[in-house]
């Protein structure tokens, strides 16, 4: 019987035991109906797997006894690490982008406030938002069977994004670009180990942002004649990149 696998934080394991309440307890006990004696695998954010046996089940928590630890097996892949740099959209669109981006192999997410972003994130909201966004990618990683969980970071503007980026290939999707395609850009870049791709909010990027991106080594590109919604554009570019680098 295949052991059930769950994404966890390494800090939850102490003295050979791990205990969980909340959503993870609900999934293990109430959804999957696992109980004492059932074997599980707990995969943490550092790529390690903790093999354990459910030891106790209480009313609102479950305890797992760790019996072995090992580095998670990583599938062979030459695909570059991909950072999705997404200007904050409105509503729950970011939830979809984080979920599908995780499924499509994003290494990490950089979310930032675009000049045309409708939603404005205040400083006192950042910690709570990051906690929620990281829970979303953790759950998505668990559901799709990823060995690692992407990290979600917040940057305030395009300026912070460009200052932080040292990626081999830097891309920005822009509806104003009519000539340069993704295939053309990728073919010009050999031996690429890391990619960052920036996607604008609902209103697209402001011309000042595009100029700043361009001066910082980002290449504008198009992925077709149609103007896509921000969430569609993010998912489309990630799927295309995965196909190009044969990780899909």
Protein backbone atom coordinates (compact mmCIF):
# COMPACT_ATOMS: atom_id res chain seq x y z
CA UNK A 1 0.00 0.00 0.00
CA UNK A 2 1.35 3.43 -0.96
CA UNK A 3 2.11 5.64 2.01
CA UNK A 4 0.19 8.91 2.16
CA UNK A 5 2.47 11.93 1.76
CA UNK A 6 1.97 15.30 3.43
CA UNK A 7 3.79 18.64 3.21
CA UNK A 8 4.89 19.96 6.61
CA UNK A 9 7.20 22.52 8.19
CA UNK A 10 10.38 21.01 9.64
CA UNK A 11 9.85 22.99 12.86
CA UNK A 12 6.80 20.84 13.64
CA UNK A 13 9.03 17.82 14.39
CA UNK A 14 10.45 17.60 17.90
CA UNK A 15 12.01 14.72 19.82
CA UNK A 16 11.02 12.20 17.18
CA UNK A 17 7.34 13.19 17.06
CA UNK A 18 5.16 15.55 15.04
CA UNK A 19 1.65 16.62 15.97
CA UNK A 20 -0.89 18.52 13.89
CA UNK A 21 -4.24 20.18 14.31
CA UNK A 22 -6.30 22.36 11.99
CA UNK A 23 -6.40 21.65 8.26
CA UNK A 24 -3.75 18.93 8.27
CA UNK A 25 -5.47 17.07 11.13
CA UNK A 26 -8.76 17.34 9.27
CA UNK A 27 -7.25 15.98 6.06
CA UNK A 28 -5.41 13.08 7.70
CA UNK A 29 -8.13 11.95 10.11
CA UNK A 30 -11.49 13.11 8.80
CA UNK A 31 -10.93 13.05 5.05
CA UNK A 32 -8.49 10.16 4.57
CA UNK A 33 -9.64 8.40 7.77
CA UNK A 34 -6.14 7.35 8.78
CA UNK A 35 -5.56 6.15 12.32
CA UNK A 36 -3.01 4.66 14.72
CA UNK A 37 -0.61 2.29 12.96
CA UNK A 38 -1.01 3.82 9.51
CA UNK A 39 2.28 4.76 7.85
CA UNK A 40 2.78 8.24 6.40
CA UNK A 41 5.52 10.34 4.80
CA UNK A 42 6.03 13.93 5.93
CA UNK A 43 7.94 16.05 3.39
CA UNK A 44 9.38 19.34 4.67
CA UNK A 45 10.41 22.62 3.03
CA UNK A 46 14.08 21.54 2.93
CA UNK A 47 13.41 18.57 0.67
CA UNK A 48 13.63 15.93 3.41
CA UNK A 49 11.18 13.10 3.93
CA UNK A 50 10.25 11.92 7.42
CA UNK A 51 8.77 8.41 7.43
CA UNK A 52 6.44 7.89 10.33
CA UNK A 53 3.59 5.99 11.89
CA UNK A 54 0.46 7.59 13.32
CA UNK A 55 0.80 7.15 17.06
CA UNK A 56 -2.23 8.91 18.54
CA UNK A 57 -5.45 10.47 17.33
CA UNK A 58 -7.28 12.83 19.69
CA UNK A 59 -10.37 14.94 19.16
CA UNK A 60 -8.56 17.81 17.46
CA UNK A 61 -4.98 16.62 16.83
CA UNK A 62 -2.97 13.73 15.50
CA UNK A 63 0.54 12.65 16.56
CA UNK A 64 3.04 10.93 14.26
CA UNK A 65 6.09 8.99 15.47
CA UNK A 66 9.07 9.48 13.15
CA UNK A 67 10.90 6.23 12.39
CA UNK A 68 13.26 7.25 9.56
CA UNK A 69 14.47 10.30 7.64
CA UNK A 70 15.90 10.69 4.15
CA UNK A 71 16.45 13.27 1.44
CA UNK A 72 13.50 13.31 -0.93
CA UNK A 73 14.15 11.67 -4.29
CA UNK A 74 14.34 14.31 -6.97
CA UNK A 75 13.40 13.47 -10.55
CA UNK A 76 16.18 14.13 -13.05
CA UNK A 77 15.57 17.43 -14.82
CA UNK A 78 17.62 20.00 -16.69
CA UNK A 79 14.82 22.55 -16.50
CA UNK A 80 15.82 25.98 -15.15
CA UNK A 81 14.45 27.34 -11.89
CA UNK A 82 11.52 29.60 -12.68
CA UNK A 83 10.48 32.64 -10.64
CA UNK A 84 7.04 34.01 -11.38
CA UNK A 85 7.01 37.75 -10.73
CA UNK A 86 3.33 38.66 -10.54
CA UNK A 87 1.87 42.13 -10.06
CA UNK A 88 -0.90 41.82 -7.49
CA UNK A 89 -4.30 41.33 -9.16
CA UNK A 90 -7.69 41.91 -7.55
CA UNK A 91 -9.95 39.40 -5.85
CA UNK A 92 -9.00 35.74 -5.64
CA UNK A 93 -7.05 35.65 -8.89
CA UNK A 94 -3.78 35.44 -6.98
CA UNK A 95 -5.00 32.23 -5.30
CA UNK A 96 -5.46 30.60 -8.71
CA UNK A 97 -2.06 31.84 -9.92
CA UNK A 98 -0.31 30.45 -6.84
CA UNK A 99 -2.10 27.10 -7.07
CA UNK A 100 -1.53 26.54 -10.77
CA UNK A 101 1.97 27.99 -10.69
CA UNK A 102 2.90 25.48 -8.00
CA UNK A 103 1.48 22.64 -10.09
CA UNK A 104 3.47 23.91 -13.09
CA UNK A 105 6.78 23.76 -11.25
CA UNK A 106 7.44 27.37 -10.22
CA UNK A 107 10.53 27.55 -7.99
CA UNK A 108 9.34 30.67 -6.17
CA UNK A 109 6.84 33.52 -6.44
CA UNK A 110 7.65 37.21 -6.22
CA UNK A 111 4.46 39.20 -5.77
CA UNK A 112 4.65 42.96 -6.02
CA UNK A 113 2.56 46.11 -6.22
CA UNK A 114 2.25 47.30 -9.81
CA UNK A 115 1.52 50.93 -10.66
CA UNK A 116 -1.79 49.78 -12.17
CA UNK A 117 -2.63 47.21 -9.49
CA UNK A 118 -6.13 47.87 -8.22
CA UNK A 119 -5.41 46.22 -4.88
CA UNK A 120 -2.97 48.07 -2.61
CA UNK A 121 -1.25 46.15 0.15
CA UNK A 122 -0.49 48.18 3.28
CA UNK A 123 2.62 47.44 5.33
CA UNK A 124 0.56 46.11 8.23
CA UNK A 125 -1.14 43.60 5.92
CA UNK A 126 1.97 41.99 4.44
CA UNK A 127 2.70 39.36 7.13
CA UNK A 128 -0.87 38.04 7.19
CA UNK A 129 -1.06 37.93 3.40
CA UNK A 130 2.27 36.11 3.09
CA UNK A 131 1.16 33.55 5.67
CA UNK A 132 -2.03 32.89 3.70
CA UNK A 133 -0.24 32.76 0.33
CA UNK A 134 2.36 30.33 1.64
CA UNK A 135 -0.41 28.09 2.97
CA UNK A 136 -1.96 28.06 -0.50
CA UNK A 137 1.25 26.92 -2.22
CA UNK A 138 1.92 24.36 0.52
CA UNK A 139 -1.52 22.82 -0.01
CA UNK A 140 -1.06 22.90 -3.80
CA UNK A 141 2.34 21.20 -3.48
CA UNK A 142 0.80 18.49 -1.31
CA UNK A 143 -2.02 17.86 -3.76
CA UNK A 144 0.24 17.60 -6.81
CA UNK A 145 2.93 15.51 -5.09
CA UNK A 146 5.81 17.99 -5.24
CA UNK A 147 8.85 17.23 -3.12
CA UNK A 148 9.45 20.91 -2.34
CA UNK A 149 7.22 23.91 -1.63
CA UNK A 150 7.78 27.19 -3.52
CA UNK A 151 8.44 30.27 -1.42
CA UNK A 152 6.23 33.35 -1.74
CA UNK A 153 7.83 36.77 -1.26
CA UNK A 154 6.46 40.32 -1.35
CA UNK A 155 8.18 43.25 -3.04
CA UNK A 156 6.72 46.72 -3.08
CA UNK A 157 7.47 47.75 -6.68
CA UNK A 158 9.20 47.04 -9.99
CA UNK A 159 12.27 48.83 -8.61
CA UNK A 160 12.62 46.27 -5.80
CA UNK A 161 12.04 43.43 -8.28
CA UNK A 162 14.82 44.52 -10.63
CA UNK A 163 17.24 45.18 -7.77
CA UNK A 164 16.66 41.69 -6.38
CA UNK A 165 16.83 39.78 -9.67
CA UNK A 166 20.05 38.07 -10.72
CA UNK A 167 18.40 35.47 -12.97
CA UNK A 168 20.09 34.23 -16.14
CA UNK A 169 17.05 35.07 -18.25
CA UNK A 170 14.75 37.98 -17.36
CA UNK A 171 11.44 38.29 -19.18
CA UNK A 172 8.41 40.57 -19.02
CA UNK A 173 5.12 39.89 -20.78
CA UNK A 174 3.90 43.05 -22.46
CA UNK A 175 0.98 43.59 -24.81
CA UNK A 176 2.94 46.36 -26.53
CA UNK A 177 5.57 43.92 -27.79
CA UNK A 178 4.61 42.81 -31.30
CA UNK A 179 7.74 41.11 -32.56
CA UNK A 180 9.80 39.15 -30.05
CA UNK A 181 8.38 35.74 -29.09
CA UNK A 182 9.26 33.48 -26.18
CA UNK A 183 10.77 30.87 -28.49
CA UNK A 184 13.04 33.48 -30.05
CA UNK A 185 14.23 34.75 -26.68
CA UNK A 186 14.84 31.25 -25.29
CA UNK A 187 16.78 30.17 -28.40
CA UNK A 188 19.13 33.13 -27.91
CA UNK A 189 19.88 32.07 -24.32
CA UNK A 190 21.90 28.86 -24.00
CA UNK A 191 22.61 27.08 -20.73
CA UNK A 192 19.98 28.96 -18.78
CA UNK A 193 19.83 27.93 -15.13
CA UNK A 194 17.25 30.41 -13.86
CA UNK A 195 14.40 32.42 -15.35
CA UNK A 196 12.24 35.20 -13.98
CA UNK A 197 9.10 36.18 -15.87
CA UNK A 198 7.09 39.28 -14.91
CA UNK A 199 3.33 39.46 -15.49
CA UNK A 200 1.33 42.67 -15.06
CA UNK A 201 -1.99 43.28 -13.27
CA UNK A 202 -5.38 43.70 -14.96
CA UNK A 203 -4.42 47.01 -16.58
CA UNK A 204 -1.02 45.80 -17.73
CA UNK A 205 2.30 47.45 -17.01
CA UNK A 206 2.70 51.21 -16.93
CA UNK A 207 5.15 52.55 -19.60
CA UNK A 208 7.46 53.72 -16.80
CA UNK A 209 7.61 50.17 -15.47
CA UNK A 210 8.42 48.78 -18.91
CA UNK A 211 11.24 51.29 -19.32
CA UNK A 212 12.63 50.34 -15.91
CA UNK A 213 12.42 46.64 -16.72
CA UNK A 214 14.21 47.18 -20.05
CA UNK A 215 17.00 49.22 -18.48
CA UNK A 216 17.50 46.43 -15.94
CA UNK A 217 18.06 43.67 -18.48
CA UNK A 218 14.50 42.35 -18.80
CA UNK A 219 13.35 41.47 -22.32
CA UNK A 220 9.79 42.27 -23.37
CA UNK A 221 8.00 39.54 -25.26
CA UNK A 222 4.66 38.45 -26.64
CA UNK A 223 3.03 35.04 -26.41
CA UNK A 224 0.47 35.63 -29.15
CA UNK A 225 -1.92 38.00 -30.85
CA UNK A 226 -4.57 37.87 -28.15
CA UNK A 227 -4.45 39.92 -24.95
CA UNK A 228 -4.84 37.49 -22.06
CA UNK A 229 -6.21 38.08 -18.60
CA UNK A 230 -3.45 38.34 -16.01
CA UNK A 231 -4.19 34.93 -14.47
CA UNK A 232 -4.39 33.30 -17.92
CA UNK A 233 -1.12 34.93 -19.01
CA UNK A 234 0.72 33.64 -15.93
CA UNK A 235 -0.52 30.08 -16.38
CA UNK A 236 0.12 30.14 -20.14
CA UNK A 237 3.73 31.36 -19.92
CA UNK A 238 4.55 28.79 -17.23
CA UNK A 239 3.06 25.93 -19.24
CA UNK A 240 4.97 27.03 -22.35
CA UNK A 241 8.25 27.26 -20.43
CA UNK A 242 7.75 23.81 -18.96
CA UNK A 243 7.09 22.43 -22.44
CA UNK A 244 10.13 24.15 -23.95
CA UNK A 245 12.42 22.78 -21.27
CA UNK A 246 10.81 19.34 -21.43
CA UNK A 247 9.74 19.29 -17.81
CA UNK A 248 6.14 18.59 -18.83
